[in-house]
Amino acid sequence: MSTASPPSPPAPTRPRFTRIVRAPEGAGSRSAPSALPGDSLAWQLLLAARAIAAVRAGRSLTEGLQTFGAEPPATRAAVADIAYGTLRRYGWGDFMLGRLLQKALPHPEAHALLLASLHRLETWPADRHTVVDQAVAAAGEIAGGAFRGLVNGVLRNYLRQHDALAAAAADDVVAAWQHPRWWIDKLRRAWPADWQAVLAAGNAPPPMTLRVNRCLATPADYRARLAALGIEARPLGESGLRLVRPVAVDALPDFATGAVSVQDAGAQRAAELLDPAPGSRVLDACAAPGGKTAHLLERGENLDLLALDIDGVRTARIEDTLRRLGLRASVRVADCATVDAWWDGRPFDAILADVPCSASGVVRRHPDSKWLRRESDIRRFARTQAAILDALWPLLRPGGRLLYATCSVFPEENAGQIDAFRVRQPGAVRLHETQLLPCDDHDGFYYALLQKSA
């Protein structure tokens, strides 16, 4: 992407991604027989539209896609590809519909179908007329086919006006950079030399990186096994392998028996930085889904590790992860900040506080989050982060170490949070601090390693 920033446009005349649209009852499921073939692009566009409509109604994309679990794997993959791509480019699609629609479209699935179809037209230009025809067929399944003519007219107008619309979108900050205006402004203030690269990374598909279980194999050995299967990878970090092209996890040798895990290279830094000594008593305070917990156990010897998470469903994922890898830890459903409900009074040698945050550093993996977030959410996260730090610090023994971690790129959640904490706790010595901005090799993470003075 060009490093030249588009000029700032006037304030938009209509709201960007307001959560006032509600998904219709039953959206997201095939509640009635459909004439669409199950392997058709029309059916994929329709399912993607239902997931996108759910996001516009305030649900996560993960929730929106879960309702299609009965579909064949190829269909689920195609639907996810359309939905993720549409939401990564939502600012562009929203801008286009603002130019192509004379008034707001009242039906959420029809609106979402247009967004998904515009995305597919832009990313699959070789057969645009097929995309239009399939989108119209999908519209036949919405509101008794009432929007077939509108969908056909809007998409054909887009094709006729493509060059003029593309030029107009290039001059709109939100359409050009695919992020909310407040998000762009915040990044420009925080990272004046890097904000464009951060935004570009947030719009790109994420890399697929593996963490080799060094209890079972070396990264070099596992890389050779991948190469024998025609899967190209390159070393990344202490235990990581970055795949040149993503593959399904069941194509990875011995994935089911724990030889390897999928984990971003930036996330792998957590266990490396905390680096608890053999036999340490360790707390992973916000542990789900368990990747960092497992990495700590793979690296450490005889760790007495307690993994907590406030969400019971997500806590079950920690247990599933440890079971696959053949690792052991105590796992509990608990709010780490409500210490009296779970702590036995014995201090910890090391604590990993991977706190709730805006997830602004992993937005390419969760493109819905940048449109569901509000600027005020950052202050709410900051209050939660401060409460967790204040609750966990007394549980650390003198000389012990706490690693504060986020997957955010906003300073209020990162360096600003730690600066404020050290004012409240003068005995907290900062041993290490790093802000990883998202790039080709890893997502965005912040780490601050603190030691409690004697």
Protein backbone atom coordinates (compact mmCIF):
# COMPACT_ATOMS: atom_id res chain seq x y z
CA MET A 1 0.00 0.00 0.00
CA SER A 2 1.18 3.52 -0.74
CA THR A 3 2.64 5.36 2.22
CA ALA A 4 0.90 8.56 1.20
CA SER A 5 -2.13 9.16 3.39
CA PRO A 6 -5.45 10.08 1.78
CA PRO A 7 -6.72 13.56 2.52
CA SER A 8 -9.12 13.93 5.41
CA PRO A 9 -12.71 14.12 4.16
CA PRO A 10 -15.51 16.17 5.65
CA ALA A 11 -17.41 14.54 8.48
CA PRO A 12 -19.56 11.72 7.09
CA THR A 13 -23.21 12.51 6.62
CA ARG A 14 -24.41 9.20 8.04
CA PRO A 15 -23.26 7.06 10.96
CA ARG A 16 -20.63 4.37 10.46
CA PHE A 17 -21.69 0.90 11.60
CA THR A 18 -24.22 1.83 14.22
CA ARG A 19 -25.70 -1.13 16.06
CA ILE A 20 -29.33 -0.20 15.51
CA VAL A 21 -30.14 -2.93 13.00
CA ARG A 22 -31.51 -6.12 14.48
CA ALA A 23 -31.17 -9.52 12.85
CA PRO A 24 -34.49 -11.12 11.96
CA GLU A 25 -35.76 -14.01 14.05
CA GLY A 26 -34.11 -17.23 12.95
CA ALA A 27 -31.34 -15.48 10.99
CA GLY A 28 -28.29 -17.66 10.62
CA SER A 29 -30.06 -20.98 10.19
CA ARG A 30 -31.66 -22.80 7.30
CA SER A 31 -35.07 -22.70 8.95
CA ALA A 32 -36.97 -23.37 5.71
CA PRO A 33 -36.17 -25.45 2.62
CA SER A 34 -34.10 -23.54 0.06
CA ALA A 35 -33.97 -23.87 -3.70
CA LEU A 36 -30.28 -22.91 -3.65
CA PRO A 37 -27.75 -25.73 -4.20
CA GLY A 38 -25.71 -26.26 -1.06
CA ASP A 39 -22.42 -25.86 -2.91
CA SER A 40 -23.41 -22.74 -4.86
CA LEU A 41 -21.95 -19.27 -4.51
CA ALA A 42 -25.50 -18.02 -3.93
CA TRP A 43 -25.85 -20.18 -0.83
CA GLN A 44 -22.41 -19.11 0.41
CA LEU A 45 -23.29 -15.45 -0.06
CA LEU A 46 -26.57 -15.94 1.76
CA LEU A 47 -24.95 -17.63 4.76
CA ALA A 48 -22.19 -15.00 4.85
CA ALA A 49 -24.86 -12.29 4.77
CA ARG A 50 -26.59 -13.86 7.77
CA ALA A 51 -23.32 -13.89 9.71
CA ILE A 52 -22.57 -10.27 8.75
CA ALA A 53 -26.10 -9.21 9.72
CA ALA A 54 -25.53 -10.82 13.12
CA VAL A 55 -22.33 -8.78 13.56
CA ARG A 56 -24.14 -5.58 12.59
CA ALA A 57 -26.67 -6.45 15.28
CA GLY A 58 -23.89 -6.55 17.89
CA ARG A 59 -22.83 -10.22 17.95
CA SER A 60 -19.32 -11.47 17.25
CA LEU A 61 -18.45 -13.01 13.90
CA THR A 62 -17.51 -16.23 15.69
CA GLU A 63 -21.05 -16.43 17.05
CA GLY A 64 -22.52 -15.59 13.67
CA LEU A 65 -20.59 -18.38 11.94
CA GLN A 66 -21.22 -21.03 14.61
CA THR A 67 -24.81 -21.43 13.45
CA PHE A 68 -23.61 -23.03 10.20
CA GLY A 69 -21.85 -25.95 11.88
CA ALA A 70 -23.98 -28.51 10.02
CA GLU A 71 -22.73 -27.32 6.63
CA PRO A 72 -19.96 -29.30 4.86
CA PRO A 73 -16.41 -28.15 5.67
CA ALA A 74 -15.88 -26.68 2.19
CA THR A 75 -19.03 -24.58 2.51
CA ARG A 76 -18.09 -23.38 6.01
CA ALA A 77 -14.65 -22.38 4.77
CA ALA A 78 -16.08 -20.48 1.79
CA VAL A 79 -18.66 -18.69 3.94
CA ALA A 80 -16.01 -17.71 6.50
CA ASP A 81 -13.74 -16.41 3.74
CA ILE A 82 -16.51 -14.15 2.40
CA ALA A 83 -17.60 -12.96 5.86
CA TYR A 84 -14.08 -12.23 7.11
CA GLY A 85 -13.14 -10.47 3.88
CA THR A 86 -16.30 -8.37 3.90
CA LEU A 87 -15.73 -7.22 7.48
CA ARG A 88 -12.06 -6.46 6.85
CA ARG A 89 -13.29 -4.17 4.05
CA TYR A 90 -16.42 -2.98 5.81
CA GLY A 91 -15.42 0.69 5.68
CA TRP A 92 -15.09 0.40 1.91
CA GLY A 93 -18.34 -1.50 1.47
CA ASP A 94 -20.25 0.89 3.72
CA PHE A 95 -18.93 3.81 1.67
CA MET A 96 -19.99 2.14 -1.58
CA LEU A 97 -23.52 1.46 -0.37
CA GLY A 98 -23.75 5.04 0.79
CA ARG A 99 -23.18 6.11 -2.80
CA LEU A 100 -25.29 3.39 -4.42
CA LEU A 101 -28.40 3.39 -2.21
CA GLN A 102 -30.75 6.34 -2.28
CA LYS A 103 -32.05 5.55 1.22
CA ALA A 104 -31.25 3.18 4.05
CA LEU A 105 -32.08 -0.46 3.35
CA PRO A 106 -34.42 -1.65 6.13
CA HIS A 107 -33.72 -5.38 5.90
CA PRO A 108 -30.46 -6.41 7.65
CA GLU A 109 -29.85 -9.56 5.58
CA ALA A 110 -30.41 -7.74 2.29
CA HIS A 111 -28.02 -5.01 3.39
CA ALA A 112 -25.42 -7.59 4.43
CA LEU A 113 -25.88 -9.50 1.16
CA LEU A 114 -25.00 -6.34 -0.76
CA LEU A 115 -21.89 -5.85 1.37
CA ALA A 116 -20.77 -9.45 0.81
CA SER A 117 -21.51 -9.27 -2.92
CA LEU A 118 -19.61 -6.01 -3.37
CA HIS A 119 -16.63 -7.56 -1.61
CA ARG A 120 -16.79 -10.62 -3.86
CA LEU A 121 -17.10 -8.46 -6.99
CA GLU A 122 -14.01 -6.52 -5.99
CA THR A 123 -11.92 -9.58 -5.10
CA TRP A 124 -13.16 -11.89 -7.87
CA PRO A 125 -13.22 -9.62 -10.94
CA ALA A 126 -12.78 -12.39 -13.52
CA ASP A 127 -16.44 -13.41 -13.46
CA ARG A 128 -18.38 -10.44 -12.15
CA HIS A 129 -21.60 -11.24 -13.97
CA THR A 130 -21.72 -14.66 -12.33
CA VAL A 131 -21.34 -12.98 -8.93
CA VAL A 132 -24.26 -10.64 -9.72
CA ASP A 133 -26.46 -13.52 -10.87
CA GLN A 134 -25.65 -15.57 -7.77
CA ALA A 135 -26.27 -12.60 -5.49
CA VAL A 136 -29.68 -12.09 -7.08
CA ALA A 137 -30.42 -15.79 -6.56
CA ALA A 138 -29.45 -15.41 -2.89
CA ALA A 139 -31.73 -12.39 -2.60
CA GLY A 140 -34.57 -14.67 -3.65
CA GLU A 141 -34.26 -16.34 -0.24
CA ILE A 142 -34.72 -13.04 1.66
CA ALA A 143 -38.17 -11.62 2.43
CA GLY A 144 -39.80 -13.72 -0.24
CA GLY A 145 -37.54 -12.34 -2.96
CA ALA A 146 -38.63 -8.74 -2.39
CA PHE A 147 -35.06 -7.44 -2.82
CA ARG A 148 -34.02 -9.29 -5.98
CA GLY A 149 -34.51 -6.25 -8.21
CA LEU A 150 -32.76 -3.92 -5.79
CA VAL A 151 -29.75 -6.24 -5.40
CA ASN A 152 -29.49 -6.64 -9.17
CA GLY A 153 -29.72 -2.86 -9.78
CA VAL A 154 -27.24 -1.88 -7.07
CA LEU A 155 -24.59 -4.38 -8.15
CA ARG A 156 -24.89 -3.53 -11.83
CA ASN A 157 -24.70 0.19 -11.00
CA TYR A 158 -21.53 -0.55 -9.07
CA LEU A 159 -20.00 -2.22 -12.12
CA ARG A 160 -21.00 0.70 -14.38
CA GLN A 161 -19.68 3.34 -11.96
CA HIS A 162 -16.69 1.37 -10.72
CA ASP A 163 -13.91 3.77 -11.65
CA ALA A 164 -15.65 6.87 -10.31
CA LEU A 165 -16.61 5.08 -7.08
CA ALA A 166 -13.06 3.78 -6.62
CA ALA A 167 -11.65 7.28 -6.99
CA ALA A 168 -14.13 8.65 -4.44
CA ALA A 169 -13.33 5.84 -1.97
CA ALA A 170 -9.61 6.59 -2.22
CA ASP A 171 -10.31 10.09 -0.92
CA ASP A 172 -12.29 8.86 2.10
CA VAL A 173 -10.15 7.97 5.12
CA VAL A 174 -12.45 5.25 6.48
CA ALA A 175 -13.04 3.67 3.07
CA ALA A 176 -9.34 3.78 2.20
CA TRP A 177 -7.97 2.45 5.50
CA GLN A 178 -10.83 0.09 6.47
CA HIS A 179 -10.98 1.18 10.12
CA PRO A 180 -13.30 3.48 12.08
CA ARG A 181 -12.28 7.13 12.04
CA TRP A 182 -11.67 7.28 15.81
CA TRP A 183 -9.40 4.21 15.54
CA ILE A 184 -7.37 5.81 12.75
CA ASP A 185 -7.02 9.07 14.67
CA LYS A 186 -5.90 7.25 17.82
CA LEU A 187 -3.22 5.33 15.90
CA ARG A 188 -1.96 8.46 14.18
CA ARG A 189 -1.44 10.12 17.57
CA ALA A 190 0.16 7.07 19.19
CA TRP A 191 2.35 5.93 16.29
CA PRO A 192 2.98 8.87 13.94
CA ALA A 193 5.69 7.00 12.02
CA ASP A 194 3.96 3.60 11.92
CA TRP A 195 0.20 4.13 11.86
CA GLN A 196 -0.14 3.38 8.14
CA ALA A 197 1.74 0.09 8.47
CA VAL A 198 -0.40 -0.87 11.47
CA LEU A 199 -3.60 -0.21 9.54
CA ALA A 200 -2.34 -2.06 6.47
CA ALA A 201 -1.43 -5.08 8.62
CA GLY A 202 -4.89 -4.98 10.17
CA ASN A 203 -6.47 -5.31 6.73
CA ALA A 204 -4.35 -8.26 5.60
CA PRO A 205 -5.04 -11.96 6.17
CA PRO A 206 -3.07 -13.16 9.21
CA PRO A 207 -0.07 -15.48 8.97
CA MET A 208 -0.31 -19.08 10.12
CA THR A 209 2.42 -19.78 12.63
CA LEU A 210 3.08 -23.00 14.51
CA ARG A 211 4.63 -23.56 17.91
CA VAL A 212 6.59 -26.80 17.98
CA ASN A 213 6.27 -28.75 21.22
CA ARG A 214 9.94 -28.99 22.15
CA CYS A 215 9.17 -31.82 24.54
CA LEU A 216 8.53 -33.94 21.44
CA ALA A 217 10.54 -32.43 18.57
CA THR A 218 12.84 -29.63 17.53
CA PRO A 219 11.61 -26.94 15.13
CA ALA A 220 14.19 -28.11 12.57
CA ASP A 221 12.96 -31.71 12.74
CA TYR A 222 9.33 -30.71 12.42
CA ARG A 223 10.12 -28.36 9.55
CA ALA A 224 11.70 -31.28 7.73
CA ARG A 225 8.55 -33.35 8.28
CA LEU A 226 6.46 -30.55 6.81
CA ALA A 227 8.77 -30.25 3.81
CA ALA A 228 8.36 -33.99 3.13
CA LEU A 229 4.62 -33.33 2.79
CA GLY A 230 5.14 -30.33 0.52
CA ILE A 231 4.33 -27.79 3.27
CA GLU A 232 6.84 -24.96 3.16
CA ALA A 233 7.75 -23.19 6.41
CA ARG A 234 10.49 -20.99 7.78
CA PRO A 235 11.83 -20.65 11.35
CA LEU A 236 10.44 -17.84 13.47
CA GLY A 237 11.53 -17.23 17.06
CA GLU A 238 12.50 -19.85 19.60
CA SER A 239 9.94 -22.52 18.74
CA GLY A 240 7.96 -21.09 15.83
CA LEU A 241 7.50 -22.02 12.18
CA ARG A 242 5.74 -19.63 9.82
CA LEU A 243 3.90 -21.43 7.04
CA VAL A 244 4.26 -19.94 3.58
CA ARG A 245 0.65 -20.99 2.86
CA PRO A 246 -1.92 -21.84 5.54
CA VAL A 247 -3.17 -25.41 5.74
CA ALA A 248 -5.89 -27.20 7.68
CA VAL A 249 -4.67 -28.36 11.10
CA ASP A 250 -5.46 -31.98 10.24
CA ALA A 251 -2.81 -31.72 7.50
CA LEU A 252 -0.13 -31.09 10.17
CA PRO A 253 1.83 -34.20 11.20
CA ASP A 254 0.88 -35.42 14.68
CA PHE A 255 -1.19 -32.34 15.47
CA ALA A 256 -3.77 -34.49 17.27
CA THR A 257 -1.08 -36.01 19.49
CA GLY A 258 0.44 -32.70 20.53
CA ALA A 259 3.54 -32.30 18.38
CA VAL A 260 2.58 -28.79 17.36
CA SER A 261 0.09 -25.99 18.07
CA VAL A 262 -1.11 -23.02 16.08
CA GLN A 263 -0.01 -19.85 17.86
CA ASP A 264 1.03 -16.43 16.60
CA ALA A 265 4.74 -15.67 16.94
CA GLY A 266 3.97 -12.57 19.00
CA ALA A 267 1.90 -14.61 21.45
CA GLN A 268 4.79 -17.05 21.82
CA ARG A 269 6.87 -14.28 23.40
CA ALA A 270 4.84 -14.47 26.63
CA ALA A 271 6.24 -17.77 27.92
CA GLU A 272 9.73 -16.82 26.76
CA LEU A 273 9.65 -13.53 28.69
CA LEU A 274 8.13 -14.85 31.92
CA ASP A 275 10.48 -17.87 31.83
CA PRO A 276 9.63 -19.34 35.26
CA ALA A 277 12.31 -21.38 37.01
CA PRO A 278 11.88 -25.17 37.31
CA GLY A 279 9.43 -26.10 40.05
CA SER A 280 7.89 -22.61 40.18
CA ARG A 281 4.37 -21.96 41.38
CA VAL A 282 2.80 -20.12 38.43
CA LEU A 283 -0.53 -18.37 37.88
CA ASP A 284 -1.96 -17.84 34.39
CA ALA A 285 -4.69 -15.42 35.38
CA CYS A 286 -6.72 -15.02 32.18
CA ALA A 287 -5.73 -18.24 30.51
CA ALA A 288 -8.30 -19.20 27.84
CA PRO A 289 -7.99 -20.66 25.29
CA GLY A 290 -4.80 -22.08 26.78
CA GLY A 291 -2.05 -21.47 24.24
CA LYS A 292 0.19 -19.51 26.60
CA THR A 293 -0.56 -21.93 29.45
CA ALA A 294 0.57 -24.84 27.30
CA HIS A 295 3.69 -23.02 26.13
CA LEU A 296 4.71 -22.32 29.74
CA LEU A 297 4.35 -26.01 30.56
CA GLU A 298 6.24 -27.10 27.43
CA ARG A 299 9.17 -24.85 28.36
CA GLY A 300 9.16 -25.25 32.14
CA GLU A 301 10.11 -28.21 34.29
CA ASN A 302 7.71 -29.43 36.97
CA LEU A 303 5.72 -26.20 37.08
CA ASP A 304 2.90 -26.01 39.62
CA LEU A 305 0.59 -24.02 37.35
CA LEU A 306 -2.91 -22.72 38.05
CA ALA A 307 -4.88 -21.52 35.02
CA LEU A 308 -7.96 -19.36 35.57
CA ASP A 309 -10.60 -17.93 33.30
CA ILE A 310 -13.89 -16.26 34.09
CA ASP A 311 -15.76 -18.00 31.24
CA GLY A 312 -16.68 -21.65 31.77
CA VAL A 313 -16.93 -22.47 28.07
CA ARG A 314 -13.54 -20.93 27.36
CA THR A 315 -12.07 -22.67 30.43
CA ALA A 316 -13.10 -26.00 28.91
CA ARG A 317 -10.96 -25.09 25.90
CA ILE A 318 -7.92 -24.82 28.19
CA GLU A 319 -8.54 -28.37 29.37
CA ASP A 320 -8.97 -29.57 25.78
CA THR A 321 -5.69 -27.91 24.79
CA LEU A 322 -3.77 -29.46 27.68
CA ARG A 323 -5.31 -32.88 27.03
CA ARG A 324 -4.23 -32.85 23.38
CA LEU A 325 -0.69 -31.86 24.34
CA GLY A 326 -0.42 -34.31 27.24
CA LEU A 327 0.20 -31.52 29.76
CA ARG A 328 -1.09 -31.04 33.30
CA ALA A 329 -2.21 -27.98 35.23
CA SER A 330 -4.92 -26.99 37.69
CA VAL A 331 -7.72 -25.31 35.75
CA ARG A 332 -10.52 -23.33 37.43
CA VAL A 333 -13.40 -21.10 36.41
CA ALA A 334 -12.86 -17.91 38.38
CA ASP A 335 -12.60 -14.15 38.15
CA CYS A 336 -8.92 -13.57 38.82
CA ALA A 337 -9.66 -10.16 40.38
CA THR A 338 -11.94 -11.74 43.02
CA VAL A 339 -9.00 -13.23 44.88
CA ASP A 340 -10.84 -14.42 48.02
CA ALA A 341 -12.97 -16.78 45.92
CA TRP A 342 -10.08 -18.91 44.64
CA TRP A 343 -6.66 -18.14 46.21
CA ASP A 344 -5.34 -20.54 48.84
CA GLY A 345 -3.01 -17.98 50.41
CA ARG A 346 0.23 -19.42 48.98
CA PRO A 347 2.20 -16.80 46.99
CA PHE A 348 3.17 -17.30 43.37
CA ASP A 349 6.69 -17.18 41.96
CA ALA A 350 5.45 -16.00 38.56
CA ILE A 351 2.18 -14.57 37.27
CA LEU A 352 1.04 -14.12 33.69
CA ALA A 353 -1.65 -11.41 33.48
CA ASP A 354 -2.83 -11.60 29.87
CA VAL A 355 -5.59 -9.10 30.56
CA PRO A 356 -8.82 -8.34 28.67
CA CYS A 357 -8.20 -5.59 26.14
CA SER A 358 -9.41 -3.96 22.92
CA ALA A 359 -7.68 -6.69 20.84
CA SER A 360 -6.58 -3.90 18.49
CA GLY A 361 -3.36 -5.79 17.72
CA VAL A 362 -5.17 -8.89 16.42
CA VAL A 363 -7.90 -7.17 14.43
CA ARG A 364 -6.98 -9.00 11.21
CA ARG A 365 -8.00 -12.23 12.97
CA HIS A 366 -11.20 -10.64 14.35
CA PRO A 367 -12.22 -7.99 11.80
CA ASP A 368 -15.64 -7.62 13.39
CA SER A 369 -14.06 -6.20 16.54
CA LYS A 370 -12.93 -2.93 14.95
CA TRP A 371 -16.53 -2.17 13.97
CA LEU A 372 -18.10 -3.39 17.22
CA ARG A 373 -15.67 -1.46 19.43
CA ARG A 374 -16.34 2.10 20.59
CA GLU A 375 -13.69 4.57 21.69
CA SER A 376 -15.24 4.58 25.15
CA ASP A 377 -14.51 0.84 25.39
CA ILE A 378 -10.81 1.60 25.75
CA ARG A 379 -11.42 3.43 29.04
CA ARG A 380 -13.56 0.52 30.27
CA PHE A 381 -10.82 -1.97 29.44
CA ALA A 382 -8.24 0.23 31.17
CA ARG A 383 -10.27 0.20 34.40
CA THR A 384 -10.53 -3.60 34.27
CA GLN A 385 -6.80 -3.96 33.59
CA ALA A 386 -5.92 -1.72 36.55
CA ALA A 387 -8.22 -3.72 38.84
CA ILE A 388 -6.58 -7.00 37.78
CA LEU A 389 -3.07 -5.66 38.34
CA ASP A 390 -3.97 -4.34 41.79
CA ALA A 391 -5.63 -7.64 42.74
CA LEU A 392 -2.81 -9.92 41.56
CA TRP A 393 0.23 -8.00 42.76
CA PRO A 394 -0.19 -8.97 46.47
CA LEU A 395 -0.24 -12.64 45.42
CA LEU A 396 3.33 -12.44 44.10
CA ARG A 397 6.17 -13.34 46.44
CA PRO A 398 8.99 -10.83 46.98
CA GLY A 399 11.42 -11.27 44.11
CA GLY A 400 8.71 -12.85 41.98
CA ARG A 401 7.87 -11.68 38.47
CA LEU A 402 4.62 -10.65 36.82
CA LEU A 403 4.25 -10.39 33.05
CA TYR A 404 1.54 -7.95 32.01
CA ALA A 405 0.36 -8.71 28.47
CA THR A 406 -2.19 -7.36 26.01
CA CYS A 407 -2.91 -7.85 22.33
CA SER A 408 -3.46 -4.10 22.00
CA VAL A 409 -1.60 -1.31 20.22
CA PHE A 410 -3.23 1.53 22.17
CA PRO A 411 -0.90 3.10 24.80
CA GLU A 412 -3.71 3.62 27.34
CA GLU A 413 -3.87 -0.16 27.75
CA ASN A 414 -0.12 -0.68 27.65
CA ALA A 415 2.71 1.64 28.68
CA GLY A 416 0.26 4.14 30.17
CA GLN A 417 -1.30 1.39 32.28
CA ILE A 418 2.07 0.22 33.60
CA ASP A 419 3.26 3.77 34.33
CA ALA A 420 0.15 4.37 36.43
CA PHE A 421 0.54 1.01 38.20
CA ARG A 422 4.13 1.74 39.18
CA VAL A 423 3.00 5.00 40.76
CA ARG A 424 0.56 2.97 42.88
CA GLN A 425 3.19 0.27 43.54
CA PRO A 426 6.68 1.80 43.91
CA GLY A 427 8.06 -1.66 44.63
CA ALA A 428 7.31 -2.81 41.08
CA VAL A 429 10.57 -2.86 39.10
CA ARG A 430 10.19 -2.85 35.31
CA LEU A 431 12.64 -5.45 33.96
CA HIS A 432 11.48 -5.43 30.35
CA GLU A 433 8.98 -3.67 28.14
CA THR A 434 8.19 -4.20 24.48
CA GLN A 435 5.45 -3.13 22.08
CA LEU A 436 5.10 -5.39 19.06
CA LEU A 437 3.23 -3.69 16.26
CA PRO A 438 1.47 -6.03 13.82
CA CYS A 439 3.47 -6.96 10.73
CA ASP A 440 3.83 -9.83 8.27
CA ASP A 441 5.33 -12.15 10.88
CA HIS A 442 3.23 -11.49 13.97
CA ASP A 443 0.22 -9.73 15.47
CA GLY A 444 0.40 -6.75 17.81
CA PHE A 445 1.24 -7.38 21.48
CA TYR A 446 2.50 -5.44 24.48
CA TYR A 447 4.56 -6.98 27.28
CA ALA A 448 5.85 -5.50 30.54
CA LEU A 449 7.83 -7.75 32.88
CA LEU A 450 7.71 -6.53 36.47
CA GLN A 451 9.56 -7.79 39.53
CA LYS A 452 8.45 -7.31 43.13
CA SER A 453 11.28 -5.86 45.20
CA ALA A 454 12.13 -7.58 48.46
